[in-house]
Amino acid sequence: MKQSIISTPRDRRRKRIRSKISGTALCPRLSVYKSNTATYAQLIDDEHAVTLAAASSAEIKGNKTTSAHAVGIEIAKLAQAKNIAKVVFDRGGFIYTGRIKALADGAREGGLQF
C-alpha cells in the first residue's frame, strides 16, 4: 500500500536545499533548526555522518533573536577549537530572516566563513 506523506512547504524547501549542499570534515555543514522556544545549530560531516559540534539557545537568557546570535557565536568558537574556518550554511528550509539571519551573523562575527 502506498503511503501518503504530507509535506509542508518548509519540508520541500529543506529537501531542495539538501540535494545541493553537503558537508565534509574540512568544510562541514552548519545546520540550523528553530523551534518555538529555542534555536539549534550543528556542524555536520556528511561524508561520515558525524556531528562535529552543536550549540543550543535552550539555556541562554534573552529574547529569541539575541539568543540565536549568541548561538552563532558559540558554534563559531566550537568550530575554531576544532580548526574549522569554513562551513556550508544550511538554513533547514527556514526563510533567511530573523533568528536564522541573527545566527548566521553571529557565526560570521565569531570567525566562520560562508
PDB file of N, CA and C in Angstrom:
ATOM      1  N   MET A   1       0.841  -1.179   0.000  1.00  0.00           N
ATOM      2  CA  MET A   1       0.000   0.000   0.000  1.00  0.00           C
ATOM      3  C   MET A   1       0.886   1.241   0.000  1.00  0.00           C
ATOM      4  N   LYS A   2       0.552   2.171  -0.869  1.00  0.00           N
ATOM      5  CA  LYS A   2       1.338   3.392  -0.966  1.00  0.00           C
ATOM      6  C   LYS A   2       0.973   4.333   0.182  1.00  0.00           C
ATOM      7  N   GLN A   3       2.007   4.820   0.841  1.00  0.00           N
ATOM      8  CA  GLN A   3       1.799   5.693   1.989  1.00  0.00           C
ATOM      9  C   GLN A   3       1.816   7.143   1.531  1.00  0.00           C
ATOM     10  N   SER A   4       0.803   7.902   1.924  1.00  0.00           N
ATOM     11  CA  SER A   4       0.777   9.311   1.549  1.00  0.00           C
ATOM     12  C   SER A   4       1.526  10.116   2.604  1.00  0.00           C
ATOM     13  N   ILE A   5       2.420  10.927   2.135  1.00  0.00           N
ATOM     14  CA  ILE A   5       3.230  11.739   3.022  1.00  0.00           C
ATOM     15  C   ILE A   5       2.807  13.186   2.843  1.00  0.00           C
ATOM     16  N   ILE A   6       2.439  13.797   3.947  1.00  0.00           N
ATOM     17  CA  ILE A   6       2.072  15.208   3.903  1.00  0.00           C
ATOM     18  C   ILE A   6       3.348  16.014   4.060  1.00  0.00           C
ATOM     19  N   SER A   7       3.687  16.792   3.048  1.00  0.00           N
ATOM     20  CA  SER A   7       4.894  17.600   3.135  1.00  0.00           C
ATOM     21  C   SER A   7       4.505  19.070   3.180  1.00  0.00           C
ATOM     22  N   THR A   8       5.114  19.753   4.091  1.00  0.00           N
ATOM     23  CA  THR A   8       4.866  21.176   4.236  1.00  0.00           C
ATOM     24  C   THR A   8       5.790  21.938   3.286  1.00  0.00           C
ATOM     25  N   PRO A   9       5.509  23.201   3.065  1.00  0.00           N
ATOM     26  CA  PRO A   9       6.419  23.983   2.217  1.00  0.00           C
ATOM     27  C   PRO A   9       7.848  24.004   2.761  1.00  0.00           C
ATOM     28  N   ARG A  10       8.017  24.033   4.084  1.00  0.00           N
ATOM     29  CA  ARG A  10       9.362  24.025   4.659  1.00  0.00           C
ATOM     30  C   ARG A  10      10.063  22.709   4.360  1.00  0.00           C
ATOM     31  N   ASP A  11       9.340  21.588   4.423  1.00  0.00           N
ATOM     32  CA  ASP A  11       9.941  20.292   4.096  1.00  0.00           C
ATOM     33  C   ASP A  11      10.411  20.250   2.647  1.00  0.00           C
ATOM     34  N   ARG A  12       9.616  20.806   1.740  1.00  0.00           N
ATOM     35  CA  ARG A  12      10.007  20.835   0.335  1.00  0.00           C
ATOM     36  C   ARG A  12      11.234  21.707   0.118  1.00  0.00           C
ATOM     37  N   ARG A  13      11.290  22.861   0.798  1.00  0.00           N
ATOM     38  CA  ARG A  13      12.473  23.726   0.692  1.00  0.00           C
ATOM     39  C   ARG A  13      13.697  23.024   1.270  1.00  0.00           C
ATOM     40  N   ARG A  14      13.528  22.345   2.426  1.00  0.00           N
ATOM     41  CA  ARG A  14      14.641  21.656   3.081  1.00  0.00           C
ATOM     42  C   ARG A  14      15.214  20.575   2.172  1.00  0.00           C
ATOM     43  N   LYS A  15      14.352  19.791   1.545  1.00  0.00           N
ATOM     44  CA  LYS A  15      14.821  18.729   0.644  1.00  0.00           C
ATOM     45  C   LYS A  15      15.538  19.308  -0.572  1.00  0.00           C
ATOM     46  N   ARG A  16      15.025  20.403  -1.101  1.00  0.00           N
ATOM     47  CA  ARG A  16      15.649  21.043  -2.265  1.00  0.00           C
ATOM     48  C   ARG A  16      17.036  21.582  -1.899  1.00  0.00           C
ATOM     49  N   ILE A  17      17.147  22.191  -0.723  1.00  0.00           N
ATOM     50  CA  ILE A  17      18.435  22.723  -0.279  1.00  0.00           C
ATOM     51  C   ILE A  17      19.429  21.591  -0.045  1.00  0.00           C
ATOM     52  N   ARG A  18      18.992  20.529   0.644  1.00  0.00           N
ATOM     53  CA  ARG A  18      19.885  19.425   0.991  1.00  0.00           C
ATOM     54  C   ARG A  18      20.348  18.636  -0.227  1.00  0.00           C
ATOM     55  N   SER A  19      19.599  18.699  -1.327  1.00  0.00           N
ATOM     56  CA  SER A  19      20.037  17.997  -2.534  1.00  0.00           C
ATOM     57  C   SER A  19      21.234  18.700  -3.174  1.00  0.00           C
ATOM     58  N   LYS A  20      21.452  19.975  -2.813  1.00  0.00           N
ATOM     59  CA  LYS A  20      22.505  20.756  -3.448  1.00  0.00           C
ATOM     60  C   LYS A  20      23.733  20.961  -2.582  1.00  0.00           C
ATOM     61  N   ILE A  21      23.612  20.781  -1.261  1.00  0.00           N
ATOM     62  CA  ILE A  21      24.754  21.039  -0.387  1.00  0.00           C
ATOM     63  C   ILE A  21      25.096  19.810   0.433  1.00  0.00           C
ATOM     64  N   SER A  22      26.362  19.715   0.808  1.00  0.00           N
ATOM     65  CA  SER A  22      26.848  18.616   1.628  1.00  0.00           C
ATOM     66  C   SER A  22      28.081  19.085   2.376  1.00  0.00           C
ATOM     67  N   GLY A  23      28.285  18.541   3.567  1.00  0.00           N
ATOM     68  CA  GLY A  23      29.426  18.935   4.367  1.00  0.00           C
ATOM     69  C   GLY A  23      30.509  17.878   4.377  1.00  0.00           C
ATOM     70  N   THR A  24      31.754  18.302   4.541  1.00  0.00           N
ATOM     71  CA  THR A  24      32.889  17.390   4.654  1.00  0.00           C
ATOM     72  C   THR A  24      33.580  17.659   5.984  1.00  0.00           C
ATOM     73  N   ALA A  25      34.630  16.919   6.266  1.00  0.00           N
ATOM     74  CA  ALA A  25      35.368  17.137   7.504  1.00  0.00           C
ATOM     75  C   ALA A  25      36.069  18.493   7.486  1.00  0.00           C
ATOM     76  N   LEU A  26      36.560  18.923   6.330  1.00  0.00           N
ATOM     77  CA  LEU A  26      37.248  20.204   6.230  1.00  0.00           C
ATOM     78  C   LEU A  26      36.290  21.383   6.120  1.00  0.00           C
ATOM     79  N   CYS A  27      35.139  21.150   5.506  1.00  0.00           N
ATOM     80  CA  CYS A  27      34.134  22.202   5.327  1.00  0.00           C
ATOM     81  C   CYS A  27      32.763  21.620   5.686  1.00  0.00           C
ATOM     82  N   PRO A  28      32.457  21.532   6.991  1.00  0.00           N
ATOM     83  CA  PRO A  28      31.205  20.882   7.402  1.00  0.00           C
ATOM     84  C   PRO A  28      29.977  21.741   7.103  1.00  0.00           C
ATOM     85  N   ARG A  29      28.828  21.118   7.231  1.00  0.00           N
ATOM     86  CA  ARG A  29      27.555  21.795   7.014  1.00  0.00           C
ATOM     87  C   ARG A  29      27.087  22.375   8.345  1.00  0.00           C
ATOM     88  N   LEU A  30      26.773  23.664   8.357  1.00  0.00           N
ATOM     89  CA  LEU A  30      26.218  24.319   9.531  1.00  0.00           C
ATOM     90  C   LEU A  30      24.704  24.256   9.401  1.00  0.00           C
ATOM     91  N   SER A  31      24.109  23.285  10.095  1.00  0.00           N
ATOM     92  CA  SER A  31      22.680  23.043  10.022  1.00  0.00           C
ATOM     93  C   SER A  31      21.974  23.810  11.131  1.00  0.00           C
ATOM     94  N   VAL A  32      20.892  24.507  10.775  1.00  0.00           N
ATOM     95  CA  VAL A  32      20.158  25.335  11.727  1.00  0.00           C
ATOM     96  C   VAL A  32      18.723  24.826  11.835  1.00  0.00           C
ATOM     97  N   TYR A  33      18.221  24.789  13.074  1.00  0.00           N
ATOM     98  CA  TYR A  33      16.827  24.446  13.316  1.00  0.00           C
ATOM     99  C   TYR A  33      16.285  25.395  14.369  1.00  0.00           C
ATOM    100  N   LYS A  34      15.053  25.845  14.171  1.00  0.00           N
ATOM    101  CA  LYS A  34      14.427  26.690  15.185  1.00  0.00           C
ATOM    102  C   LYS A  34      13.078  26.103  15.564  1.00  0.00           C
ATOM    103  N   SER A  35      12.859  26.024  16.871  1.00  0.00           N
ATOM    104  CA  SER A  35      11.566  25.607  17.383  1.00  0.00           C
ATOM    105  C   SER A  35      10.876  26.848  17.943  1.00  0.00           C
ATOM    106  N   ASN A  36       9.734  26.656  18.580  1.00  0.00           N
ATOM    107  CA  ASN A  36       9.042  27.799  19.167  1.00  0.00           C
ATOM    108  C   ASN A  36       9.814  28.382  20.340  1.00  0.00           C
ATOM    109  N   THR A  37      10.632  27.564  20.990  1.00  0.00           N
ATOM    110  CA  THR A  37      11.302  28.009  22.208  1.00  0.00           C
ATOM    111  C   THR A  37      12.808  28.198  22.067  1.00  0.00           C
ATOM    112  N   ALA A  38      13.456  27.531  21.146  1.00  0.00           N
ATOM    113  CA  ALA A  38      14.920  27.565  21.086  1.00  0.00           C
ATOM    114  C   ALA A  38      15.403  27.515  19.645  1.00  0.00           C
ATOM    115  N   THR A  39      16.698  27.827  19.484  1.00  0.00           N
ATOM    116  CA  THR A  39      17.379  27.752  18.197  1.00  0.00           C
ATOM    117  C   THR A  39      18.563  26.813  18.356  1.00  0.00           C
ATOM    118  N   TYR A  40      18.763  25.935  17.388  1.00  0.00           N
ATOM    119  CA  TYR A  40      19.815  24.925  17.462  1.00  0.00           C
ATOM    120  C   TYR A  40      20.713  25.033  16.237  1.00  0.00           C
ATOM    121  N   ALA A  41      22.000  24.730  16.435  1.00  0.00           N
ATOM    122  CA  ALA A  41      22.954  24.720  15.328  1.00  0.00           C
ATOM    123  C   ALA A  41      23.887  23.534  15.494  1.00  0.00           C
ATOM    124  N   GLN A  42      24.214  22.885  14.387  1.00  0.00           N
ATOM    125  CA  GLN A  42      25.129  21.748  14.395  1.00  0.00           C
ATOM    126  C   GLN A  42      26.113  21.883  13.243  1.00  0.00           C
ATOM    127  N   LEU A  43      27.338  21.432  13.473  1.00  0.00           N
ATOM    128  CA  LEU A  43      28.317  21.275  12.405  1.00  0.00           C
ATOM    129  C   LEU A  43      28.361  19.795  12.064  1.00  0.00           C
ATOM    130  N   ILE A  44      28.043  19.455  10.824  1.00  0.00           N
ATOM    131  CA  ILE A  44      27.869  18.064  10.433  1.00  0.00           C
ATOM    132  C   ILE A  44      28.814  17.706   9.297  1.00  0.00           C
ATOM    133  N   ASP A  45      29.504  16.567   9.459  1.00  0.00           N
ATOM    134  CA  ASP A  45      30.317  15.974   8.401  1.00  0.00           C
ATOM    135  C   ASP A  45      29.442  14.912   7.740  1.00  0.00           C
ATOM    136  N   ASP A  46      28.924  15.216   6.549  1.00  0.00           N
ATOM    137  CA  ASP A  46      28.001  14.307   5.874  1.00  0.00           C
ATOM    138  C   ASP A  46      28.692  13.080   5.298  1.00  0.00           C
ATOM    139  N   GLU A  47      29.981  13.158   5.026  1.00  0.00           N
ATOM    140  CA  GLU A  47      30.692  12.001   4.473  1.00  0.00           C
ATOM    141  C   GLU A  47      30.751  10.852   5.475  1.00  0.00           C
ATOM    142  N   HIS A  48      30.914  11.192   6.760  1.00  0.00           N
ATOM    143  CA  HIS A  48      30.992  10.166   7.804  1.00  0.00           C
ATOM    144  C   HIS A  48      29.759  10.145   8.700  1.00  0.00           C
ATOM    145  N   ALA A  49      28.762  10.992   8.398  1.00  0.00           N
ATOM    146  CA  ALA A  49      27.517  11.085   9.176  1.00  0.00           C
ATOM    147  C   ALA A  49      27.803  11.312  10.655  1.00  0.00           C
ATOM    148  N   VAL A  50      28.626  12.351  10.935  1.00  0.00           N
ATOM    149  CA  VAL A  50      29.048  12.649  12.298  1.00  0.00           C
ATOM    150  C   VAL A  50      28.763  14.116  12.601  1.00  0.00           C
ATOM    151  N   THR A  51      28.233  14.368  13.789  1.00  0.00           N
ATOM    152  CA  THR A  51      28.077  15.731  14.263  1.00  0.00           C
ATOM    153  C   THR A  51      29.372  16.148  14.943  1.00  0.00           C
ATOM    154  N   LEU A  52      30.000  17.196  14.439  1.00  0.00           N
ATOM    155  CA  LEU A  52      31.286  17.648  14.963  1.00  0.00           C
ATOM    156  C   LEU A  52      31.122  18.570  16.161  1.00  0.00           C
ATOM    157  N   ALA A  53      30.080  19.395  16.172  1.00  0.00           N
ATOM    158  CA  ALA A  53      29.826  20.314  17.275  1.00  0.00           C
ATOM    159  C   ALA A  53      28.354  20.716  17.245  1.00  0.00           C
ATOM    160  N   ALA A  54      27.836  21.096  18.399  1.00  0.00           N
ATOM    161  CA  ALA A  54      26.440  21.507  18.485  1.00  0.00           C
ATOM    162  C   ALA A  54      26.288  22.591  19.532  1.00  0.00           C
ATOM    163  N   ALA A  55      25.318  23.484  19.309  1.00  0.00           N
ATOM    164  CA  ALA A  55      25.019  24.554  20.254  1.00  0.00           C
ATOM    165  C   ALA A  55      23.519  24.803  20.253  1.00  0.00           C
ATOM    166  N   SER A  56      23.011  25.279  21.388  1.00  0.00           N
ATOM    167  CA  SER A  56      21.578  25.495  21.541  1.00  0.00           C
ATOM    168  C   SER A  56      21.330  26.746  22.368  1.00  0.00           C
ATOM    169  N   SER A  57      20.179  27.367  22.157  1.00  0.00           N
ATOM    170  CA  SER A  57      19.807  28.539  22.933  1.00  0.00           C
ATOM    171  C   SER A  57      18.888  28.180  24.092  1.00  0.00           C
ATOM    172  N   ALA A  58      18.785  26.904  24.420  1.00  0.00           N
ATOM    173  CA  ALA A  58      17.863  26.471  25.465  1.00  0.00           C
ATOM    174  C   ALA A  58      18.212  27.063  26.829  1.00  0.00           C
ATOM    175  N   GLU A  59      19.497  27.261  27.127  1.00  0.00           N
ATOM    176  CA  GLU A  59      19.896  27.775  28.432  1.00  0.00           C
ATOM    177  C   GLU A  59      20.244  29.259  28.402  1.00  0.00           C
ATOM    178  N   ILE A  60      20.173  29.895  27.245  1.00  0.00           N
ATOM    179  CA  ILE A  60      20.576  31.296  27.113  1.00  0.00           C
ATOM    180  C   ILE A  60      19.372  32.190  27.416  1.00  0.00           C
ATOM    181  N   LYS A  61      19.594  33.172  28.270  1.00  0.00           N
ATOM    182  CA  LYS A  61      18.542  34.128  28.613  1.00  0.00           C
ATOM    183  C   LYS A  61      18.481  35.232  27.576  1.00  0.00           C
ATOM    184  N   GLY A  62      17.321  35.867  27.445  1.00  0.00           N
ATOM    185  CA  GLY A  62      17.146  36.957  26.498  1.00  0.00           C
ATOM    186  C   GLY A  62      16.063  36.607  25.492  1.00  0.00           C
ATOM    187  N   ASN A  63      15.827  37.519  24.561  1.00  0.00           N
ATOM    188  CA  ASN A  63      14.803  37.221  23.566  1.00  0.00           C
ATOM    189  C   ASN A  63      15.356  36.255  22.512  1.00  0.00           C
ATOM    190  N   LYS A  64      14.505  35.796  21.643  1.00  0.00           N
ATOM    191  CA  LYS A  64      14.881  34.733  20.707  1.00  0.00           C
ATOM    192  C   LYS A  64      15.962  35.163  19.723  1.00  0.00           C
ATOM    193  N   THR A  65      15.898  36.391  19.243  1.00  0.00           N
ATOM    194  CA  THR A  65      16.861  36.844  18.249  1.00  0.00           C
ATOM    195  C   THR A  65      18.251  37.011  18.848  1.00  0.00           C
ATOM    196  N   THR A  66      18.342  37.609  20.029  1.00  0.00           N
ATOM    197  CA  THR A  66      19.656  37.785  20.645  1.00  0.00           C
ATOM    198  C   THR A  66      20.234  36.450  21.093  1.00  0.00           C
ATOM    199  N   SER A  67      19.381  35.516  21.520  1.00  0.00           N
ATOM    200  CA  SER A  67      19.903  34.204  21.893  1.00  0.00           C
ATOM    201  C   SER A  67      20.368  33.433  20.667  1.00  0.00           C
ATOM    202  N   ALA A  68      19.716  33.623  19.520  1.00  0.00           N
ATOM    203  CA  ALA A  68      20.174  32.981  18.281  1.00  0.00           C
ATOM    204  C   ALA A  68      21.529  33.548  17.865  1.00  0.00           C
ATOM    205  N   HIS A  69      21.728  34.839  18.048  1.00  0.00           N
ATOM    206  CA  HIS A  69      23.023  35.463  17.752  1.00  0.00           C
ATOM    207  C   HIS A  69      24.104  34.865  18.648  1.00  0.00           C
ATOM    208  N   ALA A  70      23.769  34.646  19.920  1.00  0.00           N
ATOM    209  CA  ALA A  70      24.719  34.046  20.861  1.00  0.00           C
ATOM    210  C   ALA A  70      25.046  32.608  20.467  1.00  0.00           C
ATOM    211  N   VAL A  71      24.071  31.878  19.939  1.00  0.00           N
ATOM    212  CA  VAL A  71      24.314  30.511  19.466  1.00  0.00           C
ATOM    213  C   VAL A  71      25.283  30.533  18.290  1.00  0.00           C
ATOM    214  N   GLY A  72      25.138  31.505  17.396  1.00  0.00           N
ATOM    215  CA  GLY A  72      26.069  31.638  16.273  1.00  0.00           C
ATOM    216  C   GLY A  72      27.494  31.882  16.731  1.00  0.00           C
ATOM    217  N   ILE A  73      27.656  32.739  17.725  1.00  0.00           N
ATOM    218  CA  ILE A  73      28.996  32.997  18.262  1.00  0.00           C
ATOM    219  C   ILE A  73      29.546  31.746  18.934  1.00  0.00           C
ATOM    220  N   GLU A  74      28.685  31.034  19.671  1.00  0.00           N
ATOM    221  CA  GLU A  74      29.120  29.817  20.375  1.00  0.00           C
ATOM    222  C   GLU A  74      29.542  28.717  19.396  1.00  0.00           C
ATOM    223  N   ILE A  75      28.782  28.518  18.322  1.00  0.00           N
ATOM    224  CA  ILE A  75      29.131  27.469  17.359  1.00  0.00           C
ATOM    225  C   ILE A  75      30.419  27.843  16.636  1.00  0.00           C
ATOM    226  N   ALA A  76      30.661  29.146  16.433  1.00  0.00           N
ATOM    227  CA  ALA A  76      31.915  29.574  15.809  1.00  0.00           C
ATOM    228  C   ALA A  76      33.099  29.279  16.724  1.00  0.00           C
ATOM    229  N   LYS A  77      32.940  29.478  18.026  1.00  0.00           N
ATOM    230  CA  LYS A  77      34.014  29.162  18.977  1.00  0.00           C
ATOM    231  C   LYS A  77      34.296  27.663  18.986  1.00  0.00           C
ATOM    232  N   LEU A  78      33.241  26.853  18.964  1.00  0.00           N
ATOM    233  CA  LEU A  78      33.423  25.400  18.938  1.00  0.00           C
ATOM    234  C   LEU A  78      34.112  24.961  17.647  1.00  0.00           C
ATOM    235  N   ALA A  79      33.788  25.618  16.533  1.00  0.00           N
ATOM    236  CA  ALA A  79      34.412  25.287  15.255  1.00  0.00           C
ATOM    237  C   ALA A  79      35.892  25.658  15.261  1.00  0.00           C
ATOM    238  N   GLN A  80      36.219  26.809  15.812  1.00  0.00           N
ATOM    239  CA  GLN A  80      37.615  27.226  15.864  1.00  0.00           C
ATOM    240  C   GLN A  80      38.431  26.306  16.757  1.00  0.00           C
ATOM    241  N   ALA A  81      37.805  25.756  17.795  1.00  0.00           N
ATOM    242  CA  ALA A  81      38.503  24.809  18.661  1.00  0.00           C
ATOM    243  C   ALA A  81      38.863  23.526  17.904  1.00  0.00           C
ATOM    244  N   LYS A  82      38.103  23.222  16.850  1.00  0.00           N
ATOM    245  CA  LYS A  82      38.371  22.038  16.031  1.00  0.00           C
ATOM    246  C   LYS A  82      39.068  22.399  14.724  1.00  0.00           C
ATOM    247  N   ASN A  83      39.614  23.604  14.650  1.00  0.00           N
ATOM    248  CA  ASN A  83      40.345  24.098  13.469  1.00  0.00           C
ATOM    249  C   ASN A  83      39.485  24.117  12.212  1.00  0.00           C
ATOM    250  N   ILE A  84      38.243  24.538  12.350  1.00  0.00           N
ATOM    251  CA  ILE A  84      37.331  24.678  11.214  1.00  0.00           C
ATOM    252  C   ILE A  84      37.092  26.163  10.997  1.00  0.00           C
ATOM    253  N   ALA A  85      37.388  26.638   9.789  1.00  0.00           N
ATOM    254  CA  ALA A  85      37.218  28.054   9.491  1.00  0.00           C
ATOM    255  C   ALA A  85      36.130  28.300   8.454  1.00  0.00           C
ATOM    256  N   LYS A  86      35.851  27.304   7.608  1.00  0.00           N
ATOM    257  CA  LYS A  86      34.898  27.484   6.523  1.00  0.00           C
ATOM    258  C   LYS A  86      33.800  26.429   6.640  1.00  0.00           C
ATOM    259  N   VAL A  87      32.542  26.853   6.466  1.00  0.00           N
ATOM    260  CA  VAL A  87      31.401  25.936   6.549  1.00  0.00           C
ATOM    261  C   VAL A  87      30.449  26.201   5.384  1.00  0.00           C
ATOM    262  N   VAL A  88      29.511  25.279   5.209  1.00  0.00           N
ATOM    263  CA  VAL A  88      28.424  25.445   4.250  1.00  0.00           C
ATOM    264  C   VAL A  88      27.160  25.667   5.074  1.00  0.00           C
ATOM    265  N   PHE A  89      26.454  26.771   4.831  1.00  0.00           N
ATOM    266  CA  PHE A  89      25.291  27.136   5.648  1.00  0.00           C
ATOM    267  C   PHE A  89      24.048  26.437   5.134  1.00  0.00           C
ATOM    268  N   ASP A  90      23.362  25.723   6.020  1.00  0.00           N
ATOM    269  CA  ASP A  90      22.113  25.025   5.707  1.00  0.00           C
ATOM    270  C   ASP A  90      21.023  25.618   6.586  1.00  0.00           C
ATOM    271  N   ARG A  91      20.163  26.433   5.990  1.00  0.00           N
ATOM    272  CA  ARG A  91      19.125  27.105   6.764  1.00  0.00           C
ATOM    273  C   ARG A  91      17.944  26.198   7.084  1.00  0.00           C
ATOM    274  N   GLY A  92      17.983  24.967   6.639  1.00  0.00           N
ATOM    275  CA  GLY A  92      16.974  23.982   7.014  1.00  0.00           C
ATOM    276  C   GLY A  92      15.581  24.268   6.501  1.00  0.00           C
ATOM    277  N   GLY A  93      15.459  24.997   5.405  1.00  0.00           N
ATOM    278  CA  GLY A  93      14.150  25.299   4.851  1.00  0.00           C
ATOM    279  C   GLY A  93      13.504  26.534   5.454  1.00  0.00           C
ATOM    280  N   PHE A  94      14.145  27.114   6.456  1.00  0.00           N
ATOM    281  CA  PHE A  94      13.608  28.329   7.060  1.00  0.00           C
ATOM    282  C   PHE A  94      14.027  29.534   6.223  1.00  0.00           C
ATOM    283  N   ILE A  95      13.180  30.558   6.210  1.00  0.00           N
ATOM    284  CA  ILE A  95      13.474  31.767   5.462  1.00  0.00           C
ATOM    285  C   ILE A  95      14.613  32.508   6.150  1.00  0.00           C
ATOM    286  N   TYR A  96      15.527  33.069   5.368  1.00  0.00           N
ATOM    287  CA  TYR A  96      16.719  33.730   5.895  1.00  0.00           C
ATOM    288  C   TYR A  96      16.354  35.117   6.420  1.00  0.00           C
ATOM    289  N   THR A  97      15.753  35.141   7.594  1.00  0.00           N
ATOM    290  CA  THR A  97      15.404  36.390   8.267  1.00  0.00           C
ATOM    291  C   THR A  97      15.231  36.096   9.743  1.00  0.00           C
ATOM    292  N   GLY A  98      15.254  37.111  10.565  1.00  0.00           N
ATOM    293  CA  GLY A  98      15.011  36.931  11.991  1.00  0.00           C
ATOM    294  C   GLY A  98      16.089  36.122  12.678  1.00  0.00           C
ATOM    295  N   ARG A  99      15.673  35.026  13.327  1.00  0.00           N
ATOM    296  CA  ARG A  99      16.611  34.207  14.102  1.00  0.00           C
ATOM    297  C   ARG A  99      17.659  33.528  13.238  1.00  0.00           C
ATOM    298  N   ILE A 100      17.289  33.103  12.028  1.00  0.00           N
ATOM    299  CA  ILE A 100      18.244  32.427  11.140  1.00  0.00           C
ATOM    300  C   ILE A 100      19.335  33.408  10.722  1.00  0.00           C
ATOM    301  N   LYS A 101      18.943  34.619  10.363  1.00  0.00           N
ATOM    302  CA  LYS A 101      19.918  35.643   9.985  1.00  0.00           C
ATOM    303  C   LYS A 101      20.780  36.040  11.177  1.00  0.00           C
ATOM    304  N   ALA A 102      20.180  36.140  12.360  1.00  0.00           N
ATOM    305  CA  ALA A 102      20.944  36.504  13.564  1.00  0.00           C
ATOM    306  C   ALA A 102      21.986  35.438  13.883  1.00  0.00           C
ATOM    307  N   LEU A 103      21.624  34.159  13.736  1.00  0.00           N
ATOM    308  CA  LEU A 103      22.578  33.079  13.978  1.00  0.00           C
ATOM    309  C   LEU A 103      23.715  33.140  12.962  1.00  0.00           C
ATOM    310  N   ALA A 104      23.385  33.365  11.704  1.00  0.00           N
ATOM    311  CA  ALA A 104      24.413  33.444  10.661  1.00  0.00           C
ATOM    312  C   ALA A 104      25.345  34.634  10.912  1.00  0.00           C
ATOM    313  N   ASP A 105      24.783  35.772  11.301  1.00  0.00           N
ATOM    314  CA  ASP A 105      25.613  36.941  11.596  1.00  0.00           C
ATOM    315  C   ASP A 105      26.522  36.681  12.787  1.00  0.00           C
ATOM    316  N   GLY A 106      26.001  35.993  13.811  1.00  0.00           N
ATOM    317  CA  GLY A 106      26.820  35.654  14.967  1.00  0.00           C
ATOM    318  C   GLY A 106      27.959  34.704  14.608  1.00  0.00           C
ATOM    319  N   ALA A 107      27.669  33.737  13.731  1.00  0.00           N
ATOM    320  CA  ALA A 107      28.707  32.794  13.312  1.00  0.00           C
ATOM    321  C   ALA A 107      29.789  33.512  12.500  1.00  0.00           C
ATOM    322  N   ARG A 108      29.382  34.431  11.634  1.00  0.00           N
ATOM    323  CA  ARG A 108      30.370  35.211  10.871  1.00  0.00           C
ATOM    324  C   ARG A 108      31.179  36.105  11.800  1.00  0.00           C
ATOM    325  N   GLU A 109      30.507  36.703  12.775  1.00  0.00           N
ATOM    326  CA  GLU A 109      31.189  37.545  13.755  1.00  0.00           C
ATOM    327  C   GLU A 109      32.206  36.742  14.563  1.00  0.00           C
ATOM    328  N   GLY A 110      31.880  35.467  14.804  1.00  0.00           N
ATOM    329  CA  GLY A 110      32.790  34.588  15.550  1.00  0.00           C
ATOM    330  C   GLY A 110      33.946  34.064  14.728  1.00  0.00           C
ATOM    331  N   GLY A 111      33.930  34.293  13.409  1.00  0.00           N
ATOM    332  CA  GLY A 111      35.067  33.912  12.587  1.00  0.00           C
ATOM    333  C   GLY A 111      34.804  32.861  11.532  1.00  0.00           C
ATOM    334  N   LEU A 112      33.592  32.352  11.425  1.00  0.00           N
ATOM    335  CA  LEU A 112      33.291  31.359  10.383  1.00  0.00           C
ATOM    336  C   LEU A 112      33.079  32.049   9.042  1.00  0.00           C
ATOM    337  N   GLN A 113      33.473  31.371   7.983  1.00  0.00           N
ATOM    338  CA  GLN A 113      33.308  31.896   6.633  1.00  0.00           C
ATOM    339  C   GLN A 113      32.314  31.031   5.875  1.00  0.00           C
ATOM    340  N   PHE A 114      31.328  31.680   5.283  1.00  0.00           N
ATOM    341  CA  PHE A 114      30.366  31.015   4.391  1.00  0.00           C
ATOM    342  C   PHE A 114      29.643  32.052   3.572  1.00  0.00           C
TER     343      PHE A 114
END
